[in-house]
C-alpha cells in the first residue's frame, strides 16, 4: 500500500531530521575529541577559539526534506 502525500512528507521530514542531526552530532563529537587532545598536549589551550556546530533549524530540516523529495521524484 502506498503512503499518502501527508505520510510521505512526514517520513521525509523525519529522515531529513535524522540526517542533519547525525551530521551535527558527528561534527560536535569530532570537535570535542580535538579539544580533549589539544588540552592534553597544552594545558593552557584557549577554549575561546573553539567553534562548535550549530543545531539544525526547522528551515534546514525542511530544505533537506525537499532535496530528498526531489530525488524521490526523479526517474
PDB file of N, CA and C in Angstrom:
ATOM      1  N   UNK A   1       0.840  -1.175   0.000  1.00  0.00           N
ATOM      2  CA  UNK A   1       0.000   0.000   0.000  1.00  0.00           C
ATOM      3  C   UNK A   1       0.893   1.249   0.000  1.00  0.00           C
ATOM      4  N   UNK A   2       0.584   2.187  -0.836  1.00  0.00           N
ATOM      5  CA  UNK A   2       1.365   3.413  -0.960  1.00  0.00           C
ATOM      6  C   UNK A   2       1.065   4.362   0.197  1.00  0.00           C
ATOM      7  N   UNK A   3       2.066   5.149   0.518  1.00  0.00           N
ATOM      8  CA  UNK A   3       1.890   6.174   1.544  1.00  0.00           C
ATOM      9  C   UNK A   3       1.111   7.337   0.959  1.00  0.00           C
ATOM     10  N   UNK A   4       0.321   7.973   1.807  1.00  0.00           N
ATOM     11  CA  UNK A   4      -0.393   9.169   1.373  1.00  0.00           C
ATOM     12  C   UNK A   4       0.620  10.307   1.245  1.00  0.00           C
ATOM     13  N   UNK A   5       0.275  11.370   0.541  1.00  0.00           N
ATOM     14  CA  UNK A   5       1.206  12.504   0.448  1.00  0.00           C
ATOM     15  C   UNK A   5       1.614  13.038   1.826  1.00  0.00           C
ATOM     16  N   UNK A   6       0.663  13.064   2.758  1.00  0.00           N
ATOM     17  CA  UNK A   6       0.981  13.524   4.120  1.00  0.00           C
ATOM     18  C   UNK A   6       2.004  12.588   4.772  1.00  0.00           C
ATOM     19  N   UNK A   7       1.785  11.278   4.651  1.00  0.00           N
ATOM     20  CA  UNK A   7       2.703  10.305   5.246  1.00  0.00           C
ATOM     21  C   UNK A   7       4.088  10.395   4.613  1.00  0.00           C
ATOM     22  N   UNK A   8       4.135  10.587   3.304  1.00  0.00           N
ATOM     23  CA  UNK A   8       5.411  10.727   2.607  1.00  0.00           C
ATOM     24  C   UNK A   8       6.172  11.950   3.113  1.00  0.00           C
ATOM     25  N   UNK A   9       5.481  13.074   3.247  1.00  0.00           N
ATOM     26  CA  UNK A   9       6.138  14.288   3.754  1.00  0.00           C
ATOM     27  C   UNK A   9       6.642  14.078   5.182  1.00  0.00           C
ATOM     28  N   UNK A  10       5.825  13.434   6.010  1.00  0.00           N
ATOM     29  CA  UNK A  10       6.232  13.175   7.397  1.00  0.00           C
ATOM     30  C   UNK A  10       7.459  12.268   7.437  1.00  0.00           C
ATOM     31  N   UNK A  11       7.480  11.245   6.593  1.00  0.00           N
ATOM     32  CA  UNK A  11       8.624  10.340   6.538  1.00  0.00           C
ATOM     33  C   UNK A  11       9.884  11.068   6.068  1.00  0.00           C
ATOM     34  N   UNK A  12       9.723  11.913   5.058  1.00  0.00           N
ATOM     35  CA  UNK A  12      10.873  12.659   4.543  1.00  0.00           C
ATOM     36  C   UNK A  12      11.408  13.649   5.578  1.00  0.00           C
ATOM     37  N   UNK A  13      10.502  14.293   6.316  1.00  0.00           N
ATOM     38  CA  UNK A  13      10.945  15.209   7.369  1.00  0.00           C
ATOM     39  C   UNK A  13      11.715  14.457   8.449  1.00  0.00           C
ATOM     40  N   UNK A  14      11.204  13.304   8.833  1.00  0.00           N
ATOM     41  CA  UNK A  14      11.876  12.509   9.863  1.00  0.00           C
ATOM     42  C   UNK A  14      13.247  12.046   9.371  1.00  0.00           C
ATOM     43  N   UNK A  15      13.322  11.612   8.127  1.00  0.00           N
ATOM     44  CA  UNK A  15      14.596  11.170   7.564  1.00  0.00           C
ATOM     45  C   UNK A  15      15.577  12.345   7.470  1.00  0.00           C
ATOM     46  N   UNK A  16      15.096  13.490   7.019  1.00  0.00           N
ATOM     47  CA  UNK A  16      15.943  14.681   6.904  1.00  0.00           C
ATOM     48  C   UNK A  16      16.460  15.105   8.275  1.00  0.00           C
ATOM     49  N   UNK A  17      15.589  15.075   9.267  1.00  0.00           N
ATOM     50  CA  UNK A  17      15.999  15.416  10.632  1.00  0.00           C
ATOM     51  C   UNK A  17      17.088  14.457  11.112  1.00  0.00           C
ATOM     52  N   UNK A  18      16.909  13.182  10.848  1.00  0.00           N
ATOM     53  CA  UNK A  18      17.909  12.195  11.246  1.00  0.00           C
ATOM     54  C   UNK A  18      19.250  12.424  10.576  1.00  0.00           C
ATOM     55  N   UNK A  19      19.228  12.732   9.304  1.00  0.00           N
ATOM     56  CA  UNK A  19      20.466  13.002   8.559  1.00  0.00           C
ATOM     57  C   UNK A  19      21.196  14.203   9.148  1.00  0.00           C
ATOM     58  N   UNK A  20      20.461  15.302   9.340  1.00  0.00           N
ATOM     59  CA  UNK A  20      21.095  16.533   9.816  1.00  0.00           C
ATOM     60  C   UNK A  20      21.581  16.412  11.255  1.00  0.00           C
ATOM     61  N   UNK A  21      20.806  15.750  12.113  1.00  0.00           N
ATOM     62  CA  UNK A  21      21.245  15.607  13.495  1.00  0.00           C
ATOM     63  C   UNK A  21      22.417  14.639  13.599  1.00  0.00           C
ATOM     64  N   UNK A  22      22.483  13.632  12.742  1.00  0.00           N
ATOM     65  CA  UNK A  22      23.641  12.734  12.724  1.00  0.00           C
ATOM     66  C   UNK A  22      24.890  13.513  12.337  1.00  0.00           C
ATOM     67  N   UNK A  23      24.775  14.371  11.325  1.00  0.00           N
ATOM     68  CA  UNK A  23      25.914  15.213  10.919  1.00  0.00           C
ATOM     69  C   UNK A  23      26.339  16.131  12.062  1.00  0.00           C
ATOM     70  N   UNK A  24      25.340  16.748  12.696  1.00  0.00           N
ATOM     71  CA  UNK A  24      25.619  17.668  13.800  1.00  0.00           C
ATOM     72  C   UNK A  24      26.374  16.948  14.916  1.00  0.00           C
ATOM     73  N   UNK A  25      25.869  15.797  15.340  1.00  0.00           N
ATOM     74  CA  UNK A  25      26.490  15.069  16.446  1.00  0.00           C
ATOM     75  C   UNK A  25      27.880  14.551  16.067  1.00  0.00           C
ATOM     76  N   UNK A  26      28.039  14.132  14.824  1.00  0.00           N
ATOM     77  CA  UNK A  26      29.351  13.668  14.370  1.00  0.00           C
ATOM     78  C   UNK A  26      30.368  14.804  14.433  1.00  0.00           C
ATOM     79  N   UNK A  27      29.979  15.976  13.968  1.00  0.00           N
ATOM     80  CA  UNK A  27      30.877  17.133  13.989  1.00  0.00           C
ATOM     81  C   UNK A  27      31.153  17.583  15.426  1.00  0.00           C
ATOM     82  N   UNK A  28      30.130  17.615  16.277  1.00  0.00           N
ATOM     83  CA  UNK A  28      30.320  18.007  17.676  1.00  0.00           C
ATOM     84  C   UNK A  28      31.247  17.029  18.389  1.00  0.00           C
ATOM     85  N   UNK A  29      31.086  15.732  18.128  1.00  0.00           N
ATOM     86  CA  UNK A  29      31.963  14.724  18.730  1.00  0.00           C
ATOM     87  C   UNK A  29      33.409  14.889  18.261  1.00  0.00           C
ATOM     88  N   UNK A  30      33.582  15.183  16.964  1.00  0.00           N
ATOM     89  CA  UNK A  30      34.925  15.386  16.434  1.00  0.00           C
ATOM     90  C   UNK A  30      35.591  16.583  17.101  1.00  0.00           C
ATOM     91  N   UNK A  31      34.859  17.660  17.248  1.00  0.00           N
ATOM     92  CA  UNK A  31      35.404  18.868  17.873  1.00  0.00           C
ATOM     93  C   UNK A  31      35.721  18.606  19.342  1.00  0.00           C
ATOM     94  N   UNK A  32      34.816  17.911  20.035  1.00  0.00           N
ATOM     95  CA  UNK A  32      35.035  17.590  21.438  1.00  0.00           C
ATOM     96  C   UNK A  32      36.326  16.754  21.601  1.00  0.00           C
ATOM     97  N   UNK A  33      36.533  15.795  20.718  1.00  0.00           N
ATOM     98  CA  UNK A  33      37.748  14.980  20.758  1.00  0.00           C
ATOM     99  C   UNK A  33      38.988  15.826  20.467  1.00  0.00           C
ATOM    100  N   UNK A  34      38.886  16.722  19.485  1.00  0.00           N
ATOM    101  CA  UNK A  34      40.005  17.617  19.177  1.00  0.00           C
ATOM    102  C   UNK A  34      40.361  18.488  20.376  1.00  0.00           C
ATOM    103  N   UNK A  35      39.337  19.017  21.051  1.00  0.00           N
ATOM    104  CA  UNK A  35      39.569  19.853  22.234  1.00  0.00           C
ATOM    105  C   UNK A  35      40.260  19.025  23.312  1.00  0.00           C
ATOM    106  N   UNK A  36      39.784  17.821  23.521  1.00  0.00           N
ATOM    107  CA  UNK A  36      40.375  16.944  24.530  1.00  0.00           C
ATOM    108  C   UNK A  36      41.854  16.693  24.222  1.00  0.00           C
ATOM    109  N   UNK A  37      42.159  16.371  22.965  1.00  0.00           N
ATOM    110  CA  UNK A  37      43.550  16.117  22.579  1.00  0.00           C
ATOM    111  C   UNK A  37      44.412  17.367  22.727  1.00  0.00           C
ATOM    112  N   UNK A  38      43.875  18.508  22.315  1.00  0.00           N
ATOM    113  CA  UNK A  38      44.629  19.764  22.448  1.00  0.00           C
ATOM    114  C   UNK A  38      44.889  20.089  23.912  1.00  0.00           C
ATOM    115  N   UNK A  39      43.914  19.819  24.760  1.00  0.00           N
ATOM    116  CA  UNK A  39      44.065  20.104  26.184  1.00  0.00           C
ATOM    117  C   UNK A  39      45.114  19.189  26.815  1.00  0.00           C
ATOM    118  N   UNK A  40      45.178  17.938  26.352  1.00  0.00           N
ATOM    119  CA  UNK A  40      46.209  17.017  26.863  1.00  0.00           C
ATOM    120  C   UNK A  40      47.599  17.503  26.471  1.00  0.00           C
ATOM    121  N   UNK A  41      47.729  18.021  25.249  1.00  0.00           N
ATOM    122  CA  UNK A  41      49.029  18.481  24.768  1.00  0.00           C
ATOM    123  C   UNK A  41      49.393  19.855  25.324  1.00  0.00           C
ATOM    124  N   UNK A  42      48.388  20.678  25.584  1.00  0.00           N
ATOM    125  CA  UNK A  42      48.636  22.036  26.038  1.00  0.00           C
ATOM    126  C   UNK A  42      47.595  22.403  27.109  1.00  0.00           C
ATOM    127  N   UNK A  43      47.963  22.317  28.373  1.00  0.00           N
ATOM    128  CA  UNK A  43      47.013  22.633  29.443  1.00  0.00           C
ATOM    129  C   UNK A  43      46.485  24.067  29.395  1.00  0.00           C
ATOM    130  N   UNK A  44      47.182  24.946  28.685  1.00  0.00           N
ATOM    131  CA  UNK A  44      46.739  26.342  28.564  1.00  0.00           C
ATOM    132  C   UNK A  44      45.935  26.573  27.288  1.00  0.00           C
ATOM    133  N   UNK A  45      45.398  25.512  26.722  1.00  0.00           N
ATOM    134  CA  UNK A  45      44.634  25.611  25.480  1.00  0.00           C
ATOM    135  C   UNK A  45      43.515  26.645  25.626  1.00  0.00           C
ATOM    136  N   UNK A  46      43.377  27.491  24.632  1.00  0.00           N
ATOM    137  CA  UNK A  46      42.379  28.566  24.650  1.00  0.00           C
ATOM    138  C   UNK A  46      41.050  28.062  24.081  1.00  0.00           C
ATOM    139  N   UNK A  47      40.087  27.821  24.968  1.00  0.00           N
ATOM    140  CA  UNK A  47      38.777  27.315  24.554  1.00  0.00           C
ATOM    141  C   UNK A  47      37.983  28.325  23.736  1.00  0.00           C
ATOM    142  N   UNK A  48      38.345  29.597  23.836  1.00  0.00           N
ATOM    143  CA  UNK A  48      37.575  30.621  23.113  1.00  0.00           C
ATOM    144  C   UNK A  48      37.756  30.520  21.601  1.00  0.00           C
ATOM    145  N   UNK A  49      38.752  29.750  21.162  1.00  0.00           N
ATOM    146  CA  UNK A  49      38.971  29.598  19.727  1.00  0.00           C
ATOM    147  C   UNK A  49      38.141  28.461  19.119  1.00  0.00           C
ATOM    148  N   UNK A  50      37.478  27.689  19.973  1.00  0.00           N
ATOM    149  CA  UNK A  50      36.714  26.526  19.505  1.00  0.00           C
ATOM    150  C   UNK A  50      35.376  27.000  18.928  1.00  0.00           C
ATOM    151  N   UNK A  51      35.075  26.519  17.726  1.00  0.00           N
ATOM    152  CA  UNK A  51      33.809  26.856  17.076  1.00  0.00           C
ATOM    153  C   UNK A  51      32.986  25.572  16.972  1.00  0.00           C
ATOM    154  N   UNK A  52      31.900  25.537  17.713  1.00  0.00           N
ATOM    155  CA  UNK A  52      31.028  24.367  17.703  1.00  0.00           C
ATOM    156  C   UNK A  52      29.992  24.501  16.590  1.00  0.00           C
ATOM    157  N   UNK A  53      29.506  23.380  16.075  1.00  0.00           N
ATOM    158  CA  UNK A  53      28.486  23.453  15.019  1.00  0.00           C
ATOM    159  C   UNK A  53      27.157  23.947  15.597  1.00  0.00           C
ATOM    160  N   UNK A  54      26.341  24.493  14.732  1.00  0.00           N
ATOM    161  CA  UNK A  54      25.015  24.932  15.170  1.00  0.00           C
ATOM    162  C   UNK A  54      24.008  23.815  14.930  1.00  0.00           C
ATOM    163  N   UNK A  55      23.030  23.756  15.797  1.00  0.00           N
ATOM    164  CA  UNK A  55      21.977  22.748  15.658  1.00  0.00           C
ATOM    165  C   UNK A  55      21.193  23.021  14.372  1.00  0.00           C
ATOM    166  N   UNK A  56      20.738  21.969  13.714  1.00  0.00           N
ATOM    167  CA  UNK A  56      19.913  22.171  12.518  1.00  0.00           C
ATOM    168  C   UNK A  56      18.613  22.897  12.894  1.00  0.00           C
ATOM    169  N   UNK A  57      18.237  23.828  12.057  1.00  0.00           N
ATOM    170  CA  UNK A  57      16.993  24.568  12.282  1.00  0.00           C
ATOM    171  C   UNK A  57      15.849  23.874  11.546  1.00  0.00           C
ATOM    172  N   UNK A  58      14.653  24.327  11.826  1.00  0.00           N
ATOM    173  CA  UNK A  58      13.480  23.813  11.113  1.00  0.00           C
ATOM    174  C   UNK A  58      13.644  24.037   9.617  1.00  0.00           C
ATOM    175  N   UNK A  59      14.166  25.212   9.251  1.00  0.00           N
ATOM    176  CA  UNK A  59      14.377  25.523   7.841  1.00  0.00           C
ATOM    177  C   UNK A  59      15.388  24.578   7.210  1.00  0.00           C
ATOM    178  N   UNK A  60      16.452  24.240   7.961  1.00  0.00           N
ATOM    179  CA  UNK A  60      17.449  23.290   7.469  1.00  0.00           C
ATOM    180  C   UNK A  60      16.799  21.929   7.201  1.00  0.00           C
ATOM    181  N   UNK A  61      15.967  21.493   8.132  1.00  0.00           N
ATOM    182  CA  UNK A  61      15.315  20.183   8.010  1.00  0.00           C
ATOM    183  C   UNK A  61      14.368  20.172   6.819  1.00  0.00           C
ATOM    184  N   UNK A  62      13.594  21.229   6.661  1.00  0.00           N
ATOM    185  CA  UNK A  62      12.663  21.311   5.526  1.00  0.00           C
ATOM    186  C   UNK A  62      13.448  21.325   4.217  1.00  0.00           C
ATOM    187  N   UNK A  63      14.545  22.076   4.184  1.00  0.00           N
ATOM    188  CA  UNK A  63      15.371  22.121   2.972  1.00  0.00           C
ATOM    189  C   UNK A  63      15.935  20.753   2.618  1.00  0.00           C
ATOM    190  N   UNK A  64      16.392  20.021   3.615  1.00  0.00           N
ATOM    191  CA  UNK A  64      16.923  18.676   3.381  1.00  0.00           C
ATOM    192  C   UNK A  64      15.808  17.739   2.914  1.00  0.00           C
ATOM    193  N   UNK A  65      14.629  17.871   3.508  1.00  0.00           N
ATOM    194  CA  UNK A  65      13.488  17.044   3.096  1.00  0.00           C
ATOM    195  C   UNK A  65      13.105  17.346   1.651  1.00  0.00           C
ATOM    196  N   UNK A  66      13.169  18.608   1.263  1.00  0.00           N
ATOM    197  CA  UNK A  66      12.863  18.973  -0.125  1.00  0.00           C
ATOM    198  C   UNK A  66      13.872  18.350  -1.090  1.00  0.00           C
ATOM    199  N   UNK A  67      15.144  18.307  -0.689  1.00  0.00           N
ATOM    200  CA  UNK A  67      16.151  17.648  -1.533  1.00  0.00           C
ATOM    201  C   UNK A  67      15.844  16.162  -1.670  1.00  0.00           C
ATOM    202  N   UNK A  68      15.459  15.523  -0.571  1.00  0.00           N
ATOM    203  CA  UNK A  68      15.105  14.110  -0.612  1.00  0.00           C
ATOM    204  C   UNK A  68      13.886  13.884  -1.495  1.00  0.00           C
ATOM    205  N   UNK A  69      12.894  14.770  -1.375  1.00  0.00           N
ATOM    206  CA  UNK A  69      11.676  14.639  -2.164  1.00  0.00           C
ATOM    207  C   UNK A  69      11.989  14.783  -3.664  1.00  0.00           C
ATOM    208  N   UNK A  70      12.849  15.746  -3.957  1.00  0.00           N
ATOM    209  CA  UNK A  70      13.246  15.967  -5.353  1.00  0.00           C
ATOM    210  C   UNK A  70      13.928  14.720  -5.905  1.00  0.00           C
ATOM    211  N   UNK A  71      14.778  14.095  -5.106  1.00  0.00           N
ATOM    212  CA  UNK A  71      15.452  12.878  -5.514  1.00  0.00           C
ATOM    213  C   UNK A  71      14.443  11.742  -5.759  1.00  0.00           C
ATOM    214  N   UNK A  72      13.481  11.620  -4.871  1.00  0.00           N
ATOM    215  CA  UNK A  72      12.466  10.567  -4.985  1.00  0.00           C
ATOM    216  C   UNK A  72      11.638  10.765  -6.281  1.00  0.00           C
ATOM    217  N   UNK A  73      11.414  12.007  -6.656  1.00  0.00           N
ATOM    218  CA  UNK A  73      10.571  12.313  -7.819  1.00  0.00           C
ATOM    219  C   UNK A  73      11.281  12.095  -9.153  1.00  0.00           C
ATOM    220  N   UNK A  74      12.617  12.069  -9.146  1.00  0.00           N
ATOM    221  CA  UNK A  74      13.338  11.880 -10.405  1.00  0.00           C
ATOM    222  C   UNK A  74      13.309  10.413 -10.804  1.00  0.00           C
ATOM    223  N   UNK A  75      13.279  10.199 -12.094  1.00  0.00           N
ATOM    224  CA  UNK A  75      13.208   8.823 -12.601  1.00  0.00           C
ATOM    225  C   UNK A  75      14.542   8.365 -13.113  1.00  0.00           C
TER     226      UNK A  75
END
